[in-house]
Amino acid sequence: MGGNEASAFDMGYARWLDEYQRLINDLRSVVNSHVGIMNYAFLSIATWPPAMHGAMMSISFE
């Protein structure tokens, strides 16, 4: 892997890590504020890889 490729990877990973940390912080805020289960479920789904979204959407929260 050349220097430019490694640098591009590091920058992309840093952006992903920042976004992931923001989502985790949002999720913690929801849990700590005792918001309803649907809001919790929505935020938890947002942090999962796209392949998991279909499986989660088939679960009923009734």
C-alpha atoms as a PDB file:
ATOM      1  CA  MET A   1       0.000   0.000   0.000  1.00  0.00           C
ATOM      2  CA  GLY A   2       1.535   3.296  -1.050  1.00  0.00           C
ATOM      3  CA  GLY A   3       1.775   6.377   1.113  1.00  0.00           C
ATOM      4  CA  ASN A   4      -1.172   8.076  -0.607  1.00  0.00           C
ATOM      5  CA  GLU A   5      -3.390   5.008  -0.251  1.00  0.00           C
ATOM      6  CA  ALA A   6      -2.502   4.634   3.418  1.00  0.00           C
ATOM      7  CA  SER A   7      -3.193   8.315   4.011  1.00  0.00           C
ATOM      8  CA  ALA A   8      -6.554   8.111   2.231  1.00  0.00           C
ATOM      9  CA  PHE A   9      -7.482   5.048   4.282  1.00  0.00           C
ATOM     10  CA  ASP A  10      -6.487   6.775   7.524  1.00  0.00           C
ATOM     11  CA  MET A  11      -8.575   9.844   6.648  1.00  0.00           C
ATOM     12  CA  GLY A  12     -11.605   7.738   5.714  1.00  0.00           C
ATOM     13  CA  TYR A  13     -11.277   5.659   8.856  1.00  0.00           C
ATOM     14  CA  ALA A  14     -11.001   8.795  11.006  1.00  0.00           C
ATOM     15  CA  ARG A  15     -14.230  10.166   9.463  1.00  0.00           C
ATOM     16  CA  TRP A  16     -15.996   6.849  10.021  1.00  0.00           C
ATOM     17  CA  LEU A  17     -14.750   6.685  13.607  1.00  0.00           C
ATOM     18  CA  ASP A  18     -15.981  10.238  14.305  1.00  0.00           C
ATOM     19  CA  GLU A  19     -19.422   9.428  12.865  1.00  0.00           C
ATOM     20  CA  TYR A  20     -19.612   6.142  14.786  1.00  0.00           C
ATOM     21  CA  GLN A  21     -18.693   7.897  18.036  1.00  0.00           C
ATOM     22  CA  ARG A  22     -21.368  10.538  17.394  1.00  0.00           C
ATOM     23  CA  LEU A  23     -23.976   7.829  16.847  1.00  0.00           C
ATOM     24  CA  ILE A  24     -22.914   5.979  19.999  1.00  0.00           C
ATOM     25  CA  ASN A  25     -23.124   9.204  22.002  1.00  0.00           C
ATOM     26  CA  ASP A  26     -26.625   9.842  20.610  1.00  0.00           C
ATOM     27  CA  LEU A  27     -27.638   6.316  21.568  1.00  0.00           C
ATOM     28  CA  ARG A  28     -26.302   6.766  25.106  1.00  0.00           C
ATOM     29  CA  SER A  29     -28.209  10.036  25.435  1.00  0.00           C
ATOM     30  CA  VAL A  30     -31.454   8.335  24.435  1.00  0.00           C
ATOM     31  CA  VAL A  31     -30.945   5.500  26.887  1.00  0.00           C
ATOM     32  CA  ASN A  32     -30.035   7.888  29.690  1.00  0.00           C
ATOM     33  CA  SER A  33     -33.063  10.104  29.066  1.00  0.00           C
ATOM     34  CA  HIS A  34     -35.487   7.143  29.140  1.00  0.00           C
ATOM     35  CA  VAL A  35     -36.984   7.828  25.729  1.00  0.00           C
ATOM     36  CA  GLY A  36     -39.462   5.264  24.371  1.00  0.00           C
ATOM     37  CA  ILE A  37     -38.434   1.963  22.831  1.00  0.00           C
ATOM     38  CA  MET A  38     -39.105   3.055  19.253  1.00  0.00           C
ATOM     39  CA  ASN A  39     -36.624   5.935  19.448  1.00  0.00           C
ATOM     40  CA  TYR A  40     -34.071   3.606  21.035  1.00  0.00           C
ATOM     41  CA  ALA A  41     -34.646   1.022  18.310  1.00  0.00           C
ATOM     42  CA  PHE A  42     -34.273   3.635  15.565  1.00  0.00           C
ATOM     43  CA  LEU A  43     -30.954   4.899  16.897  1.00  0.00           C
ATOM     44  CA  SER A  44     -29.621   1.412  17.491  1.00  0.00           C
ATOM     45  CA  ILE A  45     -30.489   0.426  13.910  1.00  0.00           C
ATOM     46  CA  ALA A  46     -28.634   3.504  12.657  1.00  0.00           C
ATOM     47  CA  THR A  47     -25.381   2.185  14.155  1.00  0.00           C
ATOM     48  CA  TRP A  48     -25.617  -1.259  12.512  1.00  0.00           C
ATOM     49  CA  PRO A  49     -24.131  -2.287   9.187  1.00  0.00           C
ATOM     50  CA  PRO A  50     -26.630  -2.094   6.300  1.00  0.00           C
ATOM     51  CA  ALA A  51     -26.856  -5.909   6.101  1.00  0.00           C
ATOM     52  CA  MET A  52     -28.474  -5.955   9.558  1.00  0.00           C
ATOM     53  CA  HIS A  53     -31.190  -3.396   8.760  1.00  0.00           C
ATOM     54  CA  GLY A  54     -33.490  -5.874   6.995  1.00  0.00           C
ATOM     55  CA  ALA A  55     -33.290  -8.370   9.840  1.00  0.00           C
ATOM     56  CA  MET A  56     -34.044  -5.711  12.444  1.00  0.00           C
ATOM     57  CA  MET A  57     -36.984  -4.286  10.518  1.00  0.00           C
ATOM     58  CA  SER A  58     -38.707  -7.699  10.576  1.00  0.00           C
ATOM     59  CA  ILE A  59     -38.914  -7.610  14.404  1.00  0.00           C
ATOM     60  CA  SER A  60     -42.163  -6.368  15.925  1.00  0.00           C
ATOM     61  CA  PHE A  61     -42.006  -3.918  18.853  1.00  0.00           C
ATOM     62  CA  GLU A  62     -45.638  -4.328  19.901  1.00  0.00           C
END
